Amino acid sequence: MKSALSAIKGLDITEKGTQMAAQNKYLFKVDPSANKLEIKQAVESFFKVKVLKVHTMNYLGKKRRERTLQYGKKPDWKRAIVTLKEGDKIDLE
């Protein structure tokens, strides 16, 4: 099992993420090898809140081309939407 610091990379503060905070849902960038149970335990221990649901999405890194015809690639990453218990919240500031 991963520690809380290695499962969560950070809170994903985007326009969509701040709108979802009104519905008690928060976006996190997480380690691509972390599963839902590890993410739930990490959020509960780090922020001292009760997690009801965790949804995860895997994103593929985009292909990038520099000045030659050879392509590089940005890294793959994973995002988690965490739903909290009514009354709990995470301070976004």
N, C-alpha and C. Protein backbone atom coordinates (compact mmCIF):
# COMPACT_ATOMS: atom_id res chain seq x y z
N MET A 1 0.81 -1.18 0.00
CA MET A 1 0.00 0.00 0.00
C MET A 1 0.86 1.25 0.00
N LYS A 2 0.42 2.27 -0.70
CA LYS A 2 1.16 3.51 -0.80
C LYS A 2 0.88 4.40 0.41
N SER A 3 1.82 5.27 0.71
CA SER A 3 1.56 6.25 1.76
C SER A 3 0.70 7.36 1.18
N ALA A 4 0.14 8.19 2.05
CA ALA A 4 -0.75 9.26 1.62
C ALA A 4 -0.04 10.26 0.73
N LEU A 5 1.22 10.51 1.00
CA LEU A 5 1.95 11.49 0.21
C LEU A 5 2.27 10.99 -1.19
N SER A 6 2.44 9.69 -1.37
CA SER A 6 2.78 9.19 -2.70
C SER A 6 1.55 8.93 -3.57
N ALA A 7 0.38 8.72 -2.98
CA ALA A 7 -0.83 8.46 -3.76
C ALA A 7 -1.40 9.74 -4.35
N ILE A 8 -1.34 10.85 -3.61
CA ILE A 8 -1.90 12.11 -4.07
C ILE A 8 -0.77 13.05 -4.47
N LYS A 9 -0.87 13.58 -5.68
CA LYS A 9 0.15 14.54 -6.15
C LYS A 9 -0.28 15.97 -5.86
N GLY A 10 -1.58 16.23 -5.79
CA GLY A 10 -2.03 17.57 -5.48
C GLY A 10 -3.48 17.79 -5.84
N LEU A 11 -4.01 18.88 -5.34
CA LEU A 11 -5.37 19.29 -5.64
C LEU A 11 -5.36 19.95 -7.01
N ASP A 12 -6.25 19.55 -7.90
CA ASP A 12 -6.29 20.08 -9.25
C ASP A 12 -7.25 21.27 -9.27
N ILE A 13 -6.69 22.48 -9.22
CA ILE A 13 -7.51 23.68 -9.16
C ILE A 13 -7.72 24.19 -10.58
N THR A 14 -8.89 23.88 -11.12
CA THR A 14 -9.27 24.32 -12.46
C THR A 14 -10.65 24.95 -12.36
N GLU A 15 -11.12 25.48 -13.47
CA GLU A 15 -12.46 26.08 -13.48
C GLU A 15 -13.52 25.03 -13.18
N LYS A 16 -13.38 23.87 -13.79
CA LYS A 16 -14.32 22.78 -13.55
C LYS A 16 -14.25 22.31 -12.10
N GLY A 17 -13.03 22.24 -11.55
CA GLY A 17 -12.85 21.79 -10.18
C GLY A 17 -13.46 22.72 -9.15
N THR A 18 -13.36 24.03 -9.38
CA THR A 18 -13.95 24.97 -8.44
C THR A 18 -15.47 24.97 -8.52
N GLN A 19 -16.04 24.71 -9.69
CA GLN A 19 -17.49 24.59 -9.81
C GLN A 19 -17.99 23.33 -9.12
N MET A 20 -17.21 22.25 -9.17
CA MET A 20 -17.62 21.00 -8.54
C MET A 20 -17.52 21.08 -7.02
N ALA A 21 -16.72 22.00 -6.49
CA ALA A 21 -16.58 22.15 -5.05
C ALA A 21 -17.90 22.56 -4.41
N ALA A 22 -18.76 23.24 -5.14
CA ALA A 22 -20.07 23.60 -4.63
C ALA A 22 -20.95 22.37 -4.43
N GLN A 23 -20.68 21.29 -5.15
CA GLN A 23 -21.42 20.04 -5.02
C GLN A 23 -20.72 19.06 -4.09
N ASN A 24 -19.69 19.54 -3.36
CA ASN A 24 -18.92 18.71 -2.42
C ASN A 24 -18.08 17.65 -3.13
N LYS A 25 -17.60 17.98 -4.34
CA LYS A 25 -16.72 17.10 -5.10
C LYS A 25 -15.42 17.86 -5.39
N TYR A 26 -14.29 17.16 -5.29
CA TYR A 26 -12.99 17.79 -5.48
C TYR A 26 -12.14 16.98 -6.45
N LEU A 27 -11.33 17.67 -7.25
CA LEU A 27 -10.45 17.03 -8.22
C LEU A 27 -9.04 16.94 -7.66
N PHE A 28 -8.42 15.77 -7.83
CA PHE A 28 -7.05 15.55 -7.40
C PHE A 28 -6.26 14.95 -8.54
N LYS A 29 -4.99 15.37 -8.68
CA LYS A 29 -4.04 14.66 -9.54
C LYS A 29 -3.42 13.59 -8.66
N VAL A 30 -3.46 12.35 -9.13
CA VAL A 30 -2.98 11.23 -8.32
C VAL A 30 -1.96 10.42 -9.10
N ASP A 31 -1.27 9.54 -8.39
CA ASP A 31 -0.29 8.65 -9.00
C ASP A 31 -1.02 7.67 -9.92
N PRO A 32 -0.54 7.46 -11.16
CA PRO A 32 -1.24 6.55 -12.08
C PRO A 32 -1.38 5.11 -11.58
N SER A 33 -0.55 4.69 -10.65
CA SER A 33 -0.66 3.31 -10.15
C SER A 33 -1.52 3.22 -8.89
N ALA A 34 -2.05 4.34 -8.39
CA ALA A 34 -2.88 4.31 -7.17
C ALA A 34 -4.29 3.86 -7.52
N ASN A 35 -4.87 3.03 -6.64
CA ASN A 35 -6.25 2.59 -6.86
C ASN A 35 -7.20 3.43 -6.01
N LYS A 36 -8.51 3.17 -6.14
CA LYS A 36 -9.52 3.99 -5.47
C LYS A 36 -9.43 3.90 -3.95
N LEU A 37 -9.14 2.73 -3.42
CA LEU A 37 -9.04 2.56 -1.97
C LEU A 37 -7.86 3.35 -1.41
N GLU A 38 -6.74 3.33 -2.09
CA GLU A 38 -5.56 4.09 -1.65
C GLU A 38 -5.81 5.59 -1.71
N ILE A 39 -6.52 6.04 -2.75
CA ILE A 39 -6.85 7.46 -2.87
C ILE A 39 -7.79 7.87 -1.75
N LYS A 40 -8.79 7.06 -1.46
CA LYS A 40 -9.74 7.36 -0.39
C LYS A 40 -9.03 7.47 0.96
N GLN A 41 -8.18 6.52 1.28
CA GLN A 41 -7.46 6.54 2.56
C GLN A 41 -6.51 7.74 2.64
N ALA A 42 -5.89 8.09 1.52
CA ALA A 42 -4.96 9.22 1.51
C ALA A 42 -5.69 10.54 1.76
N VAL A 43 -6.83 10.74 1.10
CA VAL A 43 -7.59 11.99 1.28
C VAL A 43 -8.13 12.07 2.70
N GLU A 44 -8.64 10.96 3.23
CA GLU A 44 -9.19 10.97 4.59
C GLU A 44 -8.12 11.26 5.63
N SER A 45 -6.93 10.71 5.46
CA SER A 45 -5.88 10.93 6.45
C SER A 45 -5.24 12.31 6.31
N PHE A 46 -5.11 12.81 5.10
CA PHE A 46 -4.42 14.08 4.88
C PHE A 46 -5.31 15.29 5.20
N PHE A 47 -6.60 15.25 4.80
CA PHE A 47 -7.49 16.38 4.98
C PHE A 47 -8.47 16.23 6.13
N LYS A 48 -8.49 15.07 6.80
CA LYS A 48 -9.38 14.82 7.95
C LYS A 48 -10.85 15.01 7.58
N VAL A 49 -11.28 14.37 6.48
CA VAL A 49 -12.66 14.42 6.02
C VAL A 49 -13.14 12.99 5.76
N LYS A 50 -14.44 12.81 5.54
CA LYS A 50 -15.02 11.50 5.24
C LYS A 50 -15.34 11.44 3.75
N VAL A 51 -14.77 10.45 3.05
CA VAL A 51 -14.96 10.29 1.61
C VAL A 51 -16.07 9.28 1.35
N LEU A 52 -17.02 9.66 0.48
CA LEU A 52 -18.11 8.75 0.12
C LEU A 52 -17.81 7.97 -1.16
N LYS A 53 -17.33 8.67 -2.21
CA LYS A 53 -17.07 8.02 -3.50
C LYS A 53 -15.79 8.54 -4.11
N VAL A 54 -15.16 7.70 -4.93
CA VAL A 54 -13.97 8.09 -5.69
C VAL A 54 -14.16 7.61 -7.13
N HIS A 55 -14.04 8.53 -8.07
CA HIS A 55 -14.06 8.20 -9.50
C HIS A 55 -12.69 8.55 -10.06
N THR A 56 -12.14 7.66 -10.90
CA THR A 56 -10.82 7.91 -11.47
C THR A 56 -10.88 7.94 -12.99
N MET A 57 -9.96 8.73 -13.59
CA MET A 57 -9.85 8.83 -15.04
C MET A 57 -8.38 8.81 -15.41
N ASN A 58 -8.04 8.02 -16.41
CA ASN A 58 -6.67 7.98 -16.92
C ASN A 58 -6.57 8.84 -18.17
N TYR A 59 -5.54 9.66 -18.24
CA TYR A 59 -5.30 10.52 -19.39
C TYR A 59 -3.99 10.12 -20.05
N LEU A 60 -3.97 10.07 -21.38
CA LEU A 60 -2.76 9.77 -22.12
C LEU A 60 -2.04 11.08 -22.43
N GLY A 61 -0.72 11.07 -22.31
CA GLY A 61 0.07 12.26 -22.62
C GLY A 61 0.05 12.56 -24.11
N LYS A 62 0.04 13.82 -24.44
CA LYS A 62 0.00 14.22 -25.84
C LYS A 62 1.35 14.04 -26.52
N LYS A 63 1.32 13.81 -27.82
CA LYS A 63 2.55 13.75 -28.61
C LYS A 63 2.98 15.18 -28.89
N ARG A 64 4.26 15.44 -28.73
CA ARG A 64 4.81 16.76 -28.99
C ARG A 64 5.97 16.64 -29.96
N ARG A 65 6.07 17.60 -30.87
CA ARG A 65 7.15 17.59 -31.83
C ARG A 65 7.98 18.85 -31.66
N GLU A 66 9.26 18.67 -31.55
CA GLU A 66 10.17 19.81 -31.49
C GLU A 66 10.57 20.15 -32.93
N ARG A 67 11.70 20.69 -33.18
CA ARG A 67 12.07 21.21 -34.49
C ARG A 67 12.40 20.14 -35.53
N THR A 68 12.43 18.89 -35.11
CA THR A 68 12.73 17.82 -36.05
C THR A 68 11.48 17.00 -36.29
N LEU A 69 11.61 15.96 -37.07
CA LEU A 69 10.46 15.10 -37.33
C LEU A 69 10.28 14.02 -36.26
N GLN A 70 11.13 14.03 -35.25
CA GLN A 70 11.00 13.05 -34.18
C GLN A 70 9.99 13.55 -33.14
N TYR A 71 9.16 12.64 -32.68
CA TYR A 71 8.13 13.01 -31.72
C TYR A 71 8.56 12.63 -30.31
N GLY A 72 8.17 13.44 -29.37
CA GLY A 72 8.30 13.13 -27.96
C GLY A 72 6.90 12.97 -27.39
N LYS A 73 6.81 12.72 -26.12
CA LYS A 73 5.50 12.49 -25.52
C LYS A 73 5.49 13.04 -24.11
N LYS A 74 4.40 13.73 -23.76
CA LYS A 74 4.22 14.18 -22.38
C LYS A 74 3.81 12.96 -21.55
N PRO A 75 4.04 12.99 -20.24
CA PRO A 75 3.72 11.81 -19.43
C PRO A 75 2.22 11.58 -19.27
N ASP A 76 1.84 10.31 -19.12
CA ASP A 76 0.46 9.95 -18.81
C ASP A 76 0.16 10.37 -17.37
N TRP A 77 -1.12 10.68 -17.08
CA TRP A 77 -1.47 11.08 -15.73
C TRP A 77 -2.87 10.61 -15.38
N LYS A 78 -3.22 10.72 -14.12
CA LYS A 78 -4.50 10.21 -13.62
C LYS A 78 -5.16 11.28 -12.77
N ARG A 79 -6.47 11.39 -12.90
CA ARG A 79 -7.25 12.35 -12.13
C ARG A 79 -8.32 11.59 -11.34
N ALA A 80 -8.61 12.07 -10.13
CA ALA A 80 -9.64 11.46 -9.29
C ALA A 80 -10.64 12.52 -8.87
N ILE A 81 -11.94 12.18 -8.96
CA ILE A 81 -13.00 13.02 -8.43
C ILE A 81 -13.43 12.38 -7.12
N VAL A 82 -13.29 13.14 -6.02
CA VAL A 82 -13.58 12.62 -4.68
C VAL A 82 -14.82 13.33 -4.16
N THR A 83 -15.85 12.55 -3.79
CA THR A 83 -17.07 13.08 -3.21
C THR A 83 -16.99 12.96 -1.70
N LEU A 84 -17.21 14.08 -1.01
CA LEU A 84 -17.12 14.11 0.45
C LEU A 84 -18.50 14.03 1.09
N LYS A 85 -18.51 13.68 2.38
CA LYS A 85 -19.73 13.62 3.17
C LYS A 85 -20.31 15.02 3.30
N GLU A 86 -21.61 15.11 3.41
CA GLU A 86 -22.29 16.40 3.58
C GLU A 86 -21.76 17.12 4.82
N GLY A 87 -21.35 18.36 4.65
CA GLY A 87 -20.82 19.14 5.76
C GLY A 87 -19.30 19.22 5.79
N ASP A 88 -18.61 18.24 5.21
CA ASP A 88 -17.14 18.28 5.13
C ASP A 88 -16.74 19.11 3.92
N LYS A 89 -15.61 19.80 4.02
CA LYS A 89 -15.10 20.52 2.86
C LYS A 89 -13.60 20.69 2.98
N ILE A 90 -12.98 20.94 1.84
CA ILE A 90 -11.54 21.17 1.75
C ILE A 90 -11.35 22.63 1.35
N ASP A 91 -10.48 23.33 2.06
CA ASP A 91 -10.21 24.73 1.76
C ASP A 91 -9.34 24.82 0.51
N LEU A 92 -9.83 25.50 -0.52
CA LEU A 92 -9.11 25.59 -1.79
C LEU A 92 -8.07 26.69 -1.82
N GLU A 93 -7.92 27.46 -0.76
CA GLU A 93 -6.98 28.58 -0.77
C GLU A 93 -5.65 28.20 -0.23
